[in-house]
Amino acid sequence: MPSLGHVAVGLAAGRFHAGATHSRVAPTLAFTALALFPDLDVLARQLGAGRGSAWLHRGALHSLIVAIAAGLAAALVMGGLGRTRWRMAATAVLVAASHGLLDAFTHGGRGVMLLWPLGDARFLASWHLLPAAPIGLRLVSARGVAVLLQEAALFSPLLLYALWPPRAPSASPSAPETP
């Protein structure tokens, strides 16, 4: 899945978490980074991971258990797991888990290791929403741009929600005075 879909999930989660009264910059950056985090596995080969390694693309970092750990770690970094942070932790876990699940709905590849470390099985949905995007600079090819445009259409509701300007706070009518 090209990063546009993952970015849309992170942007929407940032707006959801910030609500109407808070700045959206910090949560948007945090949730977008979390939505993209599993694709750090594209560096595994350069770091020495060999053929068949669980650390290669769509491997261990795309698993649901890693998503839970990453979401909880993000919640701790953003201010702990106190009573007010559970909503943020739940959102962070869902954002991180969305990456592997969305990747399972693309064409191409051998699937996603959603259950790692419990097993090495790779999952690929039988219904494919989009082709897999080219990696790296190949994303800036005709095929890459076509995939990005398809994704922009598919994720337009999340993008609109995330990028729509916030409403200005309305002035509340003053309460009637009591005698």
Foldseek 3Di string as FASTA:
>chain_A
DPLVLLLLLLLLLLPVLQDQPGDSVVSSVLLSCLSCVLQVLCCVVVVPDDPPDQSHRLGDQQALVVLLVQLQVSLVVVPHDPPSSPVSSVSSSVSNNVNLVLVLQAPDDQAHQHHPPVDGHHHHDPHHQYHDADPDPSLVPPRNVVRVVSSCVVSVVSNCSSPPDRDDDDDDDDDDDDD
